[in-house]
Amino acid sequence: MSVIPLPAAATARPLPFIPAIPTHWRFPADLASVPQARRALAAALPLRTPPQLSYELRLLTSELVTNAIRHGARADEDELVELIYWTADGHHWLAVSDPGPNQPVLVSPSPRTCGGRGLLLVDSLSDVWAVVPRLPRGKTVVAGIRRHTNP
């Protein structure tokens, strides 16, 4: 890694740490984007991410992106789904945005129902999650998983 020195006038006080810079992707509103999103997230994880945490983050990415494609974005209008990943406040954060007006609702489907369990999985995997309106239209589902500490 090479370091480019800054001019003397551009130097600032040293930071105690360098904050994580969010990683951002856009995917077409097509279910083929789900494995692409999962692979992109896996490649962005810190090298020492514990395997179980990596699995949970990839699964959470799959669920959030799938929900955004199925219930929020429309492929026939070339709409995109956005995925953002960052670490902060002791959590790994994922934010998935889509332009659709439908708000996710946590439900308890009957055992015979074939679908409707995506948000249950998001709720069980995440330590915290929320739906945030996005202007001028759409919403973002933000989910955080606490960083696991190595024994």
C-alpha atoms as a PDB file:
ATOM      1  CA  MET A   1       0.000   0.000   0.000  1.00  0.00           C
ATOM      2  CA  SER A   2       1.408   3.368  -0.932  1.00  0.00           C
ATOM      3  CA  VAL A   3       0.724   6.505   1.032  1.00  0.00           C
ATOM      4  CA  ILE A   4       0.492   9.837  -0.703  1.00  0.00           C
ATOM      5  CA  PRO A   5       1.720  12.637   1.557  1.00  0.00           C
ATOM      6  CA  LEU A   6      -0.653  15.562   1.966  1.00  0.00           C
ATOM      7  CA  PRO A   7       0.550  19.154   1.717  1.00  0.00           C
ATOM      8  CA  ALA A   8       1.301  20.695   5.098  1.00  0.00           C
ATOM      9  CA  ALA A   9      -1.819  22.875   4.942  1.00  0.00           C
ATOM     10  CA  ALA A  10      -4.057  19.814   4.459  1.00  0.00           C
ATOM     11  CA  THR A  11      -2.915  17.839   7.487  1.00  0.00           C
ATOM     12  CA  ALA A  12      -5.362  17.498  10.358  1.00  0.00           C
ATOM     13  CA  ARG A  13      -5.311  16.091  13.847  1.00  0.00           C
ATOM     14  CA  PRO A  14      -4.830  12.314  13.798  1.00  0.00           C
ATOM     15  CA  LEU A  15      -7.953  10.238  14.385  1.00  0.00           C
ATOM     16  CA  PRO A  16      -7.941   7.599  17.119  1.00  0.00           C
ATOM     17  CA  PHE A  17      -9.354   5.227  14.477  1.00  0.00           C
ATOM     18  CA  ILE A  18     -10.556   5.385  10.914  1.00  0.00           C
ATOM     19  CA  PRO A  19     -14.340   4.922  10.801  1.00  0.00           C
ATOM     20  CA  ALA A  20     -15.791   2.277   8.531  1.00  0.00           C
ATOM     21  CA  ILE A  21     -16.888   3.587   5.169  1.00  0.00           C
ATOM     22  CA  PRO A  22     -20.179   2.061   4.045  1.00  0.00           C
ATOM     23  CA  THR A  23     -20.094  -0.246   1.050  1.00  0.00           C
ATOM     24  CA  HIS A  24     -22.902   0.361  -1.416  1.00  0.00           C
ATOM     25  CA  TRP A  25     -24.325  -1.699  -4.285  1.00  0.00           C
ATOM     26  CA  ARG A  26     -27.288  -1.403  -6.662  1.00  0.00           C
ATOM     27  CA  PHE A  27     -28.945  -4.457  -8.166  1.00  0.00           C
ATOM     28  CA  PRO A  28     -31.699  -4.934 -10.747  1.00  0.00           C
ATOM     29  CA  ALA A  29     -35.105  -5.915  -9.355  1.00  0.00           C
ATOM     30  CA  ASP A  30     -34.622  -9.524 -10.426  1.00  0.00           C
ATOM     31  CA  LEU A  31     -34.317 -12.579  -8.181  1.00  0.00           C
ATOM     32  CA  ALA A  32     -31.020 -13.379  -9.958  1.00  0.00           C
ATOM     33  CA  SER A  33     -29.651 -10.375  -8.013  1.00  0.00           C
ATOM     34  CA  VAL A  34     -30.067 -12.160  -4.664  1.00  0.00           C
ATOM     35  CA  PRO A  35     -26.996 -14.434  -4.982  1.00  0.00           C
ATOM     36  CA  GLN A  36     -25.042 -11.500  -6.447  1.00  0.00           C
ATOM     37  CA  ALA A  37     -25.890  -9.416  -3.381  1.00  0.00           C
ATOM     38  CA  ARG A  38     -24.933 -12.253  -1.054  1.00  0.00           C
ATOM     39  CA  ARG A  39     -21.548 -12.692  -2.802  1.00  0.00           C
ATOM     40  CA  ALA A  40     -20.908  -8.931  -2.783  1.00  0.00           C
ATOM     41  CA  LEU A  41     -21.601  -8.760   0.944  1.00  0.00           C
ATOM     42  CA  ALA A  42     -19.392 -11.794   1.647  1.00  0.00           C
ATOM     43  CA  ALA A  43     -16.505 -10.161  -0.229  1.00  0.00           C
ATOM     44  CA  ALA A  44     -16.926  -6.944   1.798  1.00  0.00           C
ATOM     45  CA  LEU A  45     -16.846  -8.560   5.241  1.00  0.00           C
ATOM     46  CA  PRO A  46     -13.729  -8.038   7.347  1.00  0.00           C
ATOM     47  CA  LEU A  47     -11.242 -10.900   6.982  1.00  0.00           C
ATOM     48  CA  ARG A  48     -11.604 -12.072  10.563  1.00  0.00           C
ATOM     49  CA  THR A  49     -15.401 -12.221  10.596  1.00  0.00           C
ATOM     50  CA  PRO A  50     -16.398 -15.381  12.481  1.00  0.00           C
ATOM     51  CA  PRO A  51     -17.977 -18.000  10.188  1.00  0.00           C
ATOM     52  CA  GLN A  52     -21.327 -18.022  12.024  1.00  0.00           C
ATOM     53  CA  LEU A  53     -21.597 -14.231  11.833  1.00  0.00           C
ATOM     54  CA  SER A  54     -20.684 -14.316   8.138  1.00  0.00           C
ATOM     55  CA  TYR A  55     -23.409 -16.903   7.553  1.00  0.00           C
ATOM     56  CA  GLU A  56     -25.988 -14.814   9.442  1.00  0.00           C
ATOM     57  CA  LEU A  57     -25.102 -11.648   7.534  1.00  0.00           C
ATOM     58  CA  ARG A  58     -25.297 -13.441   4.174  1.00  0.00           C
ATOM     59  CA  LEU A  59     -28.654 -14.988   5.115  1.00  0.00           C
ATOM     60  CA  LEU A  60     -29.967 -11.620   6.288  1.00  0.00           C
ATOM     61  CA  THR A  61     -28.807 -10.059   3.004  1.00  0.00           C
ATOM     62  CA  SER A  62     -30.644 -12.750   1.034  1.00  0.00           C
ATOM     63  CA  GLU A  63     -33.873 -12.184   2.944  1.00  0.00           C
ATOM     64  CA  LEU A  64     -33.791  -8.393   2.763  1.00  0.00           C
ATOM     65  CA  VAL A  65     -32.910  -8.261  -0.936  1.00  0.00           C
ATOM     66  CA  THR A  66     -35.473 -10.951  -1.801  1.00  0.00           C
ATOM     67  CA  ASN A  67     -38.194  -9.056   0.080  1.00  0.00           C
ATOM     68  CA  ALA A  68     -37.254  -5.779  -1.637  1.00  0.00           C
ATOM     69  CA  ILE A  69     -37.440  -7.434  -5.056  1.00  0.00           C
ATOM     70  CA  ARG A  70     -40.665  -9.345  -4.419  1.00  0.00           C
ATOM     71  CA  HIS A  71     -42.562  -6.637  -2.596  1.00  0.00           C
ATOM     72  CA  GLY A  72     -40.963  -3.304  -3.415  1.00  0.00           C
ATOM     73  CA  ALA A  73     -39.240  -2.944  -6.773  1.00  0.00           C
ATOM     74  CA  ARG A  74     -40.531  -3.733 -10.231  1.00  0.00           C
ATOM     75  CA  ALA A  75     -38.274  -5.224 -12.872  1.00  0.00           C
ATOM     76  CA  ASP A  76     -40.601  -4.103 -15.671  1.00  0.00           C
ATOM     77  CA  GLU A  77     -39.760  -0.492 -14.783  1.00  0.00           C
ATOM     78  CA  ASP A  78     -36.001  -1.088 -14.483  1.00  0.00           C
ATOM     79  CA  GLU A  79     -36.121  -0.259 -10.786  1.00  0.00           C
ATOM     80  CA  LEU A  80     -33.137  -0.998  -8.584  1.00  0.00           C
ATOM     81  CA  VAL A  81     -32.648  -2.375  -5.100  1.00  0.00           C
ATOM     82  CA  GLU A  82     -29.848  -0.846  -3.032  1.00  0.00           C
ATOM     83  CA  LEU A  83     -27.754  -2.635  -0.431  1.00  0.00           C
ATOM     84  CA  ILE A  84     -25.493  -0.817   2.027  1.00  0.00           C
ATOM     85  CA  TYR A  85     -23.199  -2.506   4.555  1.00  0.00           C
ATOM     86  CA  TRP A  86     -21.165  -0.876   7.317  1.00  0.00           C
ATOM     87  CA  THR A  87     -19.947  -1.472  10.849  1.00  0.00           C
ATOM     88  CA  ALA A  88     -20.608   0.975  13.675  1.00  0.00           C
ATOM     89  CA  ASP A  89     -21.595   1.029  17.321  1.00  0.00           C
ATOM     90  CA  GLY A  90     -20.619  -2.613  17.833  1.00  0.00           C
ATOM     91  CA  HIS A  91     -22.900  -3.840  15.038  1.00  0.00           C
ATOM     92  CA  HIS A  92     -22.734  -4.985  11.456  1.00  0.00           C
ATOM     93  CA  TRP A  93     -25.431  -2.970   9.673  1.00  0.00           C
ATOM     94  CA  LEU A  94     -27.335  -3.757   6.493  1.00  0.00           C
ATOM     95  CA  ALA A  95     -29.729  -1.371   4.788  1.00  0.00           C
ATOM     96  CA  VAL A  96     -31.784  -2.489   1.795  1.00  0.00           C
ATOM     97  CA  SER A  97     -33.831   0.098  -0.076  1.00  0.00           C
ATOM     98  CA  ASP A  98     -36.476  -0.198  -2.749  1.00  0.00           C
ATOM     99  CA  PRO A  99     -38.819   2.316  -4.409  1.00  0.00           C
ATOM    100  CA  GLY A 100     -42.061   0.470  -3.593  1.00  0.00           C
ATOM    101  CA  PRO A 101     -44.837   1.888  -1.409  1.00  0.00           C
ATOM    102  CA  ASN A 102     -45.570  -1.397   0.415  1.00  0.00           C
ATOM    103  CA  GLN A 103     -44.477  -1.450   4.040  1.00  0.00           C
ATOM    104  CA  PRO A 104     -43.146  -4.746   5.422  1.00  0.00           C
ATOM    105  CA  VAL A 105     -45.348  -6.296   8.081  1.00  0.00           C
ATOM    106  CA  LEU A 106     -44.253  -8.911  10.588  1.00  0.00           C
ATOM    107  CA  VAL A 107     -46.874 -11.684  10.564  1.00  0.00           C
ATOM    108  CA  SER A 108     -47.250 -15.203  11.898  1.00  0.00           C
ATOM    109  CA  PRO A 109     -48.219 -17.369   8.921  1.00  0.00           C
ATOM    110  CA  SER A 110     -49.968 -20.670   9.434  1.00  0.00           C
ATOM    111  CA  PRO A 111     -47.823 -23.831   9.195  1.00  0.00           C
ATOM    112  CA  ARG A 112     -49.471 -24.601   5.829  1.00  0.00           C
ATOM    113  CA  THR A 113     -48.527 -21.255   4.268  1.00  0.00           C
ATOM    114  CA  CYS A 114     -45.643 -21.483   1.803  1.00  0.00           C
ATOM    115  CA  GLY A 115     -44.344 -17.944   2.284  1.00  0.00           C
ATOM    116  CA  GLY A 116     -44.492 -14.982   4.604  1.00  0.00           C
ATOM    117  CA  ARG A 117     -41.621 -15.941   6.891  1.00  0.00           C
ATOM    118  CA  GLY A 118     -38.970 -13.549   5.590  1.00  0.00           C
ATOM    119  CA  LEU A 119     -39.483 -10.874   8.228  1.00  0.00           C
ATOM    120  CA  LEU A 120     -39.670 -13.525  10.958  1.00  0.00           C
ATOM    121  CA  LEU A 121     -36.200 -14.602   9.880  1.00  0.00           C
ATOM    122  CA  VAL A 122     -35.004 -10.973   9.774  1.00  0.00           C
ATOM    123  CA  ASP A 123     -36.435 -10.474  13.262  1.00  0.00           C
ATOM    124  CA  SER A 124     -34.742 -13.580  14.652  1.00  0.00           C
ATOM    125  CA  LEU A 125     -31.340 -12.906  13.026  1.00  0.00           C
ATOM    126  CA  SER A 126     -31.156  -9.202  13.869  1.00  0.00           C
ATOM    127  CA  ASP A 127     -30.529  -7.598  17.206  1.00  0.00           C
ATOM    128  CA  VAL A 128     -32.362  -4.536  15.920  1.00  0.00           C
ATOM    129  CA  TRP A 129     -34.235  -3.674  12.745  1.00  0.00           C
ATOM    130  CA  ALA A 130     -36.538  -0.951  11.489  1.00  0.00           C
ATOM    131  CA  VAL A 131     -38.302   0.347   8.398  1.00  0.00           C
ATOM    132  CA  VAL A 132     -37.417   3.909   7.446  1.00  0.00           C
ATOM    133  CA  PRO A 133     -39.375   5.900   4.830  1.00  0.00           C
ATOM    134  CA  ARG A 134     -37.319   7.046   1.865  1.00  0.00           C
ATOM    135  CA  LEU A 135     -38.161  10.257   0.073  1.00  0.00           C
ATOM    136  CA  PRO A 136     -39.516  10.900  -2.479  1.00  0.00           C
ATOM    137  CA  ARG A 137     -40.782   7.291  -2.460  1.00  0.00           C
ATOM    138  CA  GLY A 138     -39.916   3.896  -1.108  1.00  0.00           C
ATOM    139  CA  LYS A 139     -38.426   2.644   2.100  1.00  0.00           C
ATOM    140  CA  THR A 140     -35.267   1.235   3.621  1.00  0.00           C
ATOM    141  CA  VAL A 141     -35.133  -1.757   5.937  1.00  0.00           C
ATOM    142  CA  VAL A 142     -32.179  -1.377   8.294  1.00  0.00           C
ATOM    143  CA  ALA A 143     -30.982  -4.350  10.339  1.00  0.00           C
ATOM    144  CA  GLY A 144     -28.088  -4.692  12.757  1.00  0.00           C
ATOM    145  CA  ILE A 145     -26.328  -7.747  14.147  1.00  0.00           C
ATOM    146  CA  ARG A 146     -24.004  -7.300  17.110  1.00  0.00           C
ATOM    147  CA  ARG A 147     -20.408  -8.093  16.410  1.00  0.00           C
ATOM    148  CA  HIS A 148     -19.520 -11.458  17.866  1.00  0.00           C
ATOM    149  CA  THR A 149     -16.511 -11.483  20.127  1.00  0.00           C
ATOM    150  CA  ASN A 150     -13.944 -14.194  19.605  1.00  0.00           C
ATOM    151  CA  PRO A 151     -13.501 -16.470  22.665  1.00  0.00           C
END
